[in-house]
Amino acid sequence: MSLKDKKDRVDFSLLGTKRNSSERRAGAVVSTVADDAVPTVPNREPRTAIGLHAASIYGDSEIRRENDLLKQQVRVFEGALPVKHLDPLKVKGSKWANRMEESFASAEFRALEEEIVAAGGNVQPIKVRPIEGTDEFEVVFGHRRHRACRNAGLPVLAMIAPMDDASLFAEMDRENRERADLRPFEQGMQYARALEEKLFPSIRKMAEKLGVDASGVSRLIAMVDLPREILKAFASPLDIQFDWGNKLAIAHTASADRVLEEARRIADERERGVSIPAAKVFSRLVSASPTVAAAPTELTGTEGKAVVRYGRGGSAKIHITGLSKAKVAQLDGLISKFLESEG
């Protein structure tokens, strides 16, 4: 048979396919590959010892590379606290919280509530610690943000960290002192409660732990320890300034009856609707004790400004600026009449 005749008898369209034994015996080739199919390189497992060893080395290097990447990612978050949204009803206020209830009725707190509602929650997370044996948490700091979320029925975003009582108190105090709206009376309440709970053995030890001045802590606690009558003389104890507490305590110690009587008189006036500024309340209370200097009183008029400073023993110094000669003469007459009326 010629080559040409053999060519005509072979079906080249089936070339390249697998053949079963009968097809091979018949010399036929069956193809199932489409004309436009793209040939691929089979994924062969290594069969030799060298191939297996090379594959093992490659696999180990891939694992090491992935481990290095994971370590880098972990280092980025090293020291970070877990942050998650919590049910505000499962978050409890700390027993050392220094916020009085009236702080949650202020215009500042209402503005904070509106801001949190508008944002759909607190953007700045609070900090909490787990309460052992429960699924609840205790606020370390962020009581106002927690209250705002609770009032609005929003989950509260919180950092979670276990810690002991002393560490909780120290963190709370540090965060509180950095706030612009901190009230001395609230801070004093926190320090007084820590001593009552025997969290620290003394004011000095507490000041050392917190890194604050012991005399300042003492003054704040003295403010909280003022008699109830003196505190009620003010529209709110939150209005009492830092420097006032110690002077009020000294005045009460020196002349308790006179100071308490004046405090009750001021409270009665307030109940009758008389508006008395906090500075005036302080001045009246301290002036009730002849042994304590009162706060200076400033008076401003159209032609000058006067500052009156009261000293111990009922003394007073008046400094006036901007007076004309006519006003000086008028002042002399007024002082003369005043002294005559005093007898």
Protein backbone atom coordinates (compact mmCIF):
# COMPACT_ATOMS: atom_id res chain seq x y z
CA MET A 1 0.00 0.00 0.00
CA SER A 2 1.35 3.40 -0.91
CA LEU A 3 1.80 6.17 1.65
CA LYS A 4 -0.96 8.11 0.00
CA ASP A 5 -3.38 5.23 0.46
CA LYS A 6 -2.39 4.86 4.13
CA LYS A 7 -2.97 8.59 4.73
CA ASP A 8 -6.45 8.39 3.34
CA ARG A 9 -7.35 5.59 5.76
CA VAL A 10 -6.16 7.37 8.98
CA ASP A 11 -8.63 9.69 10.80
CA PHE A 12 -6.45 12.53 12.02
CA SER A 13 -9.44 14.34 13.63
CA LEU A 14 -9.18 11.96 16.59
CA LEU A 15 -5.49 12.49 17.16
CA GLY A 16 -4.37 13.43 20.75
CA THR A 17 -7.14 11.77 22.75
CA LYS A 18 -6.97 8.90 25.24
CA ARG A 19 -7.63 5.48 23.78
CA ASN A 20 -8.92 2.38 25.37
CA SER A 21 -7.32 -0.95 24.66
CA SER A 22 -9.75 -1.94 21.93
CA GLU A 23 -9.29 1.39 20.19
CA ARG A 24 -5.53 1.04 20.35
CA ARG A 25 -5.80 -2.42 18.90
CA ALA A 26 -7.97 -1.13 16.10
CA GLY A 27 -5.56 1.70 15.48
CA ALA A 28 -8.35 4.29 15.97
CA VAL A 29 -8.02 7.51 17.98
CA VAL A 30 -11.10 9.12 19.69
CA SER A 31 -10.91 12.84 20.47
CA THR A 32 -13.17 14.80 22.91
CA VAL A 33 -11.17 18.05 22.78
CA ALA A 34 -12.79 21.03 21.11
CA ASP A 35 -10.96 22.70 18.29
CA ASP A 36 -10.54 25.97 20.24
CA ALA A 37 -9.49 24.35 23.56
CA VAL A 38 -6.37 25.80 25.25
CA PRO A 39 -3.92 23.13 26.38
CA THR A 40 -3.00 23.29 30.10
CA VAL A 41 -0.03 22.04 32.06
CA PRO A 42 -1.13 19.36 34.51
CA ASN A 43 -0.52 19.98 38.26
CA ARG A 44 1.75 17.06 38.98
CA GLU A 45 2.72 16.04 42.51
CA PRO A 46 6.45 15.51 42.94
CA ARG A 47 7.30 11.83 42.59
CA THR A 48 11.05 11.82 43.31
CA ALA A 49 12.85 12.33 46.62
CA ILE A 50 14.47 15.51 45.30
CA GLY A 51 11.10 16.84 44.18
CA LEU A 52 9.51 16.09 47.54
CA HIS A 53 12.37 17.80 49.36
CA ALA A 54 12.13 20.90 47.15
CA ALA A 55 8.36 21.10 47.69
CA SER A 56 8.86 20.83 51.44
CA ILE A 57 11.37 23.69 51.43
CA TYR A 58 9.02 25.84 49.36
CA GLY A 59 6.08 25.11 51.66
CA ASP A 60 8.11 25.93 54.77
CA SER A 61 9.20 29.25 53.31
CA GLU A 62 5.58 30.13 52.53
CA ILE A 63 4.55 29.35 56.10
CA ARG A 64 7.40 31.46 57.48
CA ARG A 65 6.39 34.34 55.24
CA GLU A 66 2.78 34.16 56.40
CA ASN A 67 3.90 33.98 60.04
CA ASP A 68 6.06 37.08 59.58
CA LEU A 69 3.12 38.97 58.10
CA LEU A 70 0.87 37.92 60.99
CA LYS A 71 3.50 39.00 63.53
CA GLN A 72 3.71 42.42 61.86
CA GLN A 73 -0.05 42.79 62.07
CA VAL A 74 -0.05 41.78 65.74
CA ARG A 75 2.68 44.33 66.53
CA VAL A 76 0.49 47.09 65.08
CA PHE A 77 -2.19 46.32 67.70
CA GLU A 78 0.19 45.44 70.52
CA GLY A 79 -1.08 46.96 73.78
CA ALA A 80 -4.45 47.89 72.28
CA LEU A 81 -7.60 47.15 74.26
CA PRO A 82 -10.60 45.32 72.84
CA VAL A 83 -13.32 47.78 71.84
CA LYS A 84 -16.90 46.68 71.29
CA HIS A 85 -20.48 47.89 71.51
CA LEU A 86 -22.16 46.94 74.79
CA ASP A 87 -25.73 46.98 76.02
CA PRO A 88 -25.79 50.13 78.21
CA LEU A 89 -28.15 48.36 80.64
CA LYS A 90 -25.36 45.86 81.36
CA VAL A 91 -22.92 48.67 82.20
CA LYS A 92 -23.02 49.98 85.77
CA GLY A 93 -21.68 53.24 87.14
CA SER A 94 -18.70 53.08 89.46
CA LYS A 95 -19.27 53.54 93.18
CA TRP A 96 -16.51 56.14 93.05
CA ALA A 97 -18.16 58.14 90.29
CA ASN A 98 -18.06 61.85 91.08
CA ARG A 99 -21.03 62.95 89.00
CA MET A 100 -23.97 64.40 90.94
CA GLU A 101 -27.42 63.81 89.47
CA GLU A 102 -27.86 67.50 88.71
CA SER A 103 -24.87 67.28 86.36
CA PHE A 104 -27.07 65.14 84.10
CA ALA A 105 -29.69 67.91 83.95
CA SER A 106 -27.32 70.63 82.73
CA ALA A 107 -27.31 72.29 79.31
CA GLU A 108 -23.87 70.78 78.67
CA PHE A 109 -25.19 67.25 79.18
CA ARG A 110 -28.21 67.87 76.95
CA ALA A 111 -25.86 69.08 74.22
CA LEU A 112 -23.77 65.92 74.65
CA GLU A 113 -26.90 63.76 74.35
CA GLU A 114 -27.92 65.50 71.12
CA GLU A 115 -24.42 65.04 69.68
CA ILE A 116 -24.37 61.31 70.51
CA VAL A 117 -27.86 60.75 69.08
CA ALA A 118 -26.92 62.57 65.87
CA ALA A 119 -23.83 60.38 65.50
CA GLY A 120 -25.75 57.18 66.23
CA GLY A 121 -23.66 56.51 69.34
CA ASN A 122 -20.59 57.68 71.23
CA VAL A 123 -17.68 58.15 68.85
CA GLN A 124 -15.19 58.42 71.72
CA PRO A 125 -15.34 55.11 73.60
CA ILE A 126 -15.77 54.91 77.35
CA LYS A 127 -13.66 52.54 79.43
CA VAL A 128 -15.08 49.68 81.50
CA ARG A 129 -13.89 46.68 83.47
CA PRO A 130 -15.66 43.31 83.64
CA ILE A 131 -17.59 42.59 86.85
CA GLU A 132 -16.35 39.21 88.03
CA GLY A 133 -18.86 36.39 87.89
CA THR A 134 -21.34 38.28 85.70
CA ASP A 135 -21.82 39.40 82.12
CA GLU A 136 -21.88 43.03 83.25
CA PHE A 137 -19.31 45.82 83.32
CA GLU A 138 -18.36 48.77 85.56
CA VAL A 139 -17.50 52.20 84.17
CA VAL A 140 -13.91 53.31 84.67
CA PHE A 141 -14.51 56.66 82.98
CA GLY A 142 -17.14 58.04 80.63
CA HIS A 143 -20.20 58.12 82.90
CA ARG A 144 -21.85 60.94 80.96
CA ARG A 145 -21.38 59.21 77.60
CA HIS A 146 -22.76 55.99 79.09
CA ARG A 147 -25.79 57.82 80.52
CA ALA A 148 -26.44 59.56 77.19
CA CYS A 149 -26.37 56.24 75.30
CA ARG A 150 -28.60 54.61 77.90
CA ASN A 151 -31.13 57.44 77.71
CA ALA A 152 -31.18 57.22 73.91
CA GLY A 153 -31.36 53.40 73.82
CA LEU A 154 -28.10 53.21 71.89
CA PRO A 155 -25.29 50.67 72.40
CA VAL A 156 -22.29 52.21 74.11
CA LEU A 157 -18.85 51.86 72.52
CA ALA A 158 -16.41 50.79 75.21
CA MET A 159 -12.80 49.75 75.77
CA ILE A 160 -12.65 46.71 78.05
CA ALA A 161 -9.81 46.10 80.51
CA PRO A 162 -9.67 44.13 83.76
CA MET A 163 -8.17 46.08 86.68
CA ASP A 164 -8.24 46.29 90.47
CA ASP A 165 -10.02 48.99 92.49
CA ALA A 166 -6.98 51.20 93.02
CA SER A 167 -6.11 51.19 89.31
CA LEU A 168 -9.72 51.96 88.39
CA PHE A 169 -9.79 54.91 90.79
CA ALA A 170 -6.46 56.26 89.52
CA GLU A 171 -7.57 56.10 85.87
CA MET A 172 -10.91 57.70 86.69
CA ASP A 173 -9.22 60.52 88.61
CA ARG A 174 -6.67 61.17 85.86
CA GLU A 175 -9.38 61.34 83.18
CA ASN A 176 -11.58 63.56 85.38
CA ARG A 177 -8.80 66.08 86.03
CA GLU A 178 -8.28 66.48 82.29
CA ARG A 179 -11.91 67.50 81.74
CA ALA A 180 -12.69 71.18 81.34
CA ASP A 181 -16.09 70.84 83.05
CA LEU A 182 -14.79 69.27 86.24
CA ARG A 183 -16.43 70.74 89.36
CA PRO A 184 -14.40 70.91 92.59
CA PHE A 185 -17.29 69.60 94.69
CA GLU A 186 -17.67 66.50 92.51
CA GLN A 187 -13.93 65.85 92.68
CA GLY A 188 -14.04 66.23 96.44
CA MET A 189 -16.90 63.71 96.61
CA GLN A 190 -14.79 61.18 94.75
CA TYR A 191 -11.80 61.63 97.07
CA ALA A 192 -13.98 61.48 100.20
CA ARG A 193 -15.67 58.28 99.03
CA ALA A 194 -12.31 56.64 98.33
CA LEU A 195 -11.24 57.32 101.91
CA GLU A 196 -14.56 56.08 103.30
CA GLU A 197 -14.18 52.85 101.33
CA LYS A 198 -10.61 52.54 102.68
CA LEU A 199 -9.23 52.38 99.18
CA PHE A 200 -6.29 54.42 100.53
CA PRO A 201 -5.14 54.59 104.15
CA SER A 202 -4.71 58.39 104.18
CA ILE A 203 -4.96 61.56 102.12
CA ARG A 204 -1.17 61.59 101.76
CA LYS A 205 -1.07 58.04 100.39
CA MET A 206 -3.91 58.77 98.01
CA ALA A 207 -2.20 61.92 96.74
CA GLU A 208 1.04 59.98 96.18
CA LYS A 209 -0.78 57.27 94.22
CA LEU A 210 -2.63 59.80 92.08
CA GLY A 211 0.31 62.16 91.62
CA VAL A 212 -1.56 65.20 92.98
CA ASP A 213 -0.96 67.73 95.73
CA ALA A 214 -2.07 66.46 99.15
CA SER A 215 -3.13 69.92 100.35
CA GLY A 216 -5.39 70.27 97.30
CA VAL A 217 -7.02 66.92 98.05
CA SER A 218 -7.50 68.00 101.66
CA ARG A 219 -9.22 71.23 100.59
CA LEU A 220 -11.57 69.39 98.25
CA ILE A 221 -12.55 66.92 100.96
CA ALA A 222 -13.09 69.80 103.42
CA MET A 223 -15.55 71.29 100.95
CA VAL A 224 -17.60 68.09 100.85
CA ASP A 225 -17.53 67.85 104.67
CA LEU A 226 -19.15 71.29 105.12
CA PRO A 227 -22.37 71.25 107.16
CA ARG A 228 -25.58 70.66 105.22
CA GLU A 229 -26.88 74.16 106.07
CA ILE A 230 -23.88 75.80 104.39
CA LEU A 231 -24.24 73.67 101.26
CA LYS A 232 -27.97 74.47 101.06
CA ALA A 233 -27.20 78.19 101.14
CA PHE A 234 -25.87 77.84 97.60
CA ALA A 235 -28.20 77.22 94.66
CA SER A 236 -26.01 74.17 94.02
CA PRO A 237 -22.88 72.89 95.77
CA LEU A 238 -21.41 72.64 92.27
CA ASP A 239 -21.18 76.46 92.37
CA ILE A 240 -18.64 76.38 95.21
CA GLN A 241 -15.21 77.31 93.90
CA PHE A 242 -12.01 75.53 94.88
CA ASP A 243 -10.64 78.38 97.03
CA TRP A 244 -13.91 78.80 98.92
CA GLY A 245 -14.15 75.43 100.62
CA ASN A 246 -11.24 75.89 103.00
CA LYS A 247 -12.30 79.42 104.00
CA LEU A 248 -15.87 78.28 104.62
CA ALA A 249 -14.57 75.45 106.78
CA ILE A 250 -12.38 77.85 108.79
CA ALA A 251 -15.27 80.29 109.22
CA HIS A 252 -17.55 77.52 110.46
CA THR A 253 -14.92 76.24 112.90
CA ALA A 254 -14.33 79.74 114.31
CA SER A 255 -17.95 80.88 114.51
CA ALA A 256 -20.25 77.93 113.88
CA ASP A 257 -23.44 79.48 115.29
CA ARG A 258 -23.12 82.77 113.39
CA VAL A 259 -22.16 81.11 110.08
CA LEU A 260 -24.97 78.53 110.27
CA GLU A 261 -27.49 81.24 111.17
CA GLU A 262 -26.44 83.26 108.13
CA ALA A 263 -26.63 80.13 105.96
CA ARG A 264 -30.21 79.48 107.07
CA ARG A 265 -31.09 83.12 106.42
CA ILE A 266 -29.74 82.88 102.87
CA ALA A 267 -31.63 79.63 102.26
CA ASP A 268 -34.87 81.26 103.45
CA GLU A 269 -34.32 84.18 101.08
CA ARG A 270 -33.74 81.77 98.21
CA GLU A 271 -36.96 79.91 99.00
CA ARG A 272 -38.81 83.23 98.77
CA GLY A 273 -37.49 83.61 95.25
CA VAL A 274 -34.54 85.93 95.91
CA SER A 275 -31.71 85.27 93.46
CA ILE A 276 -28.32 85.36 95.21
CA PRO A 277 -25.13 84.82 93.20
CA ALA A 278 -22.75 82.18 94.54
CA ALA A 279 -20.00 84.77 95.13
CA LYS A 280 -22.37 86.81 97.28
CA VAL A 281 -23.40 83.73 99.29
CA PHE A 282 -19.75 82.96 99.96
CA SER A 283 -19.02 86.55 101.01
CA ARG A 284 -21.96 86.63 103.43
CA LEU A 285 -21.08 83.32 105.03
CA VAL A 286 -17.42 84.17 105.53
CA SER A 287 -18.26 87.67 106.77
CA ALA A 288 -20.41 86.10 109.50
CA SER A 289 -17.15 85.01 111.13
CA PRO A 290 -15.03 87.98 112.32
CA THR A 291 -11.86 85.88 112.20
CA VAL A 292 -11.87 85.07 108.47
CA ALA A 293 -11.25 87.43 105.57
CA ALA A 294 -14.10 87.45 103.05
CA ALA A 295 -13.71 87.35 99.32
CA PRO A 296 -13.23 90.72 97.61
CA THR A 297 -16.36 92.31 96.22
CA GLU A 298 -16.19 94.15 92.90
CA LEU A 299 -18.55 97.00 92.10
CA THR A 300 -18.63 98.63 88.68
CA GLY A 301 -20.29 101.92 87.81
CA THR A 302 -20.39 104.32 84.89
CA GLU A 303 -17.47 106.36 86.22
CA GLY A 304 -15.23 103.82 87.88
CA LYS A 305 -14.68 100.45 89.50
CA ALA A 306 -14.42 99.61 93.20
CA VAL A 307 -12.90 96.55 94.85
CA VAL A 308 -13.77 96.00 98.51
CA ARG A 309 -11.58 93.60 100.48
CA TYR A 310 -12.74 92.47 103.92
CA GLY A 311 -10.17 91.56 106.55
CA ARG A 312 -10.22 89.83 109.89
CA GLY A 313 -11.87 91.56 112.78
CA GLY A 314 -14.39 93.35 110.56
CA SER A 315 -11.89 95.51 108.64
CA ALA A 316 -12.40 96.58 105.04
CA LYS A 317 -10.27 98.17 102.32
CA ILE A 318 -11.80 99.94 99.33
CA HIS A 319 -9.87 100.60 96.14
CA ILE A 320 -11.63 102.78 93.57
CA THR A 321 -10.33 103.90 90.17
CA GLY A 322 -11.50 106.51 87.69
CA LEU A 323 -13.04 108.97 90.14
CA SER A 324 -13.26 112.66 89.38
CA LYS A 325 -12.58 115.27 92.10
CA ALA A 326 -16.33 115.75 92.51
CA LYS A 327 -16.84 112.01 93.02
CA VAL A 328 -14.02 111.90 95.58
CA ALA A 329 -15.71 114.63 97.57
CA GLN A 330 -19.04 112.81 97.29
CA LEU A 331 -17.42 109.57 98.49
CA ASP A 332 -15.95 111.32 101.53
CA GLY A 333 -19.43 112.48 102.48
CA LEU A 334 -20.94 109.00 102.02
CA ILE A 335 -18.26 107.34 104.15
CA SER A 336 -18.71 109.94 106.89
CA LYS A 337 -22.46 109.33 106.99
CA PHE A 338 -21.89 105.56 106.98
CA LEU A 339 -19.52 105.71 109.94
CA GLU A 340 -21.86 108.00 111.86
CA SER A 341 -24.74 105.58 111.30
CA GLU A 342 -22.65 102.74 112.65
CA GLY A 343 -22.13 104.74 115.83
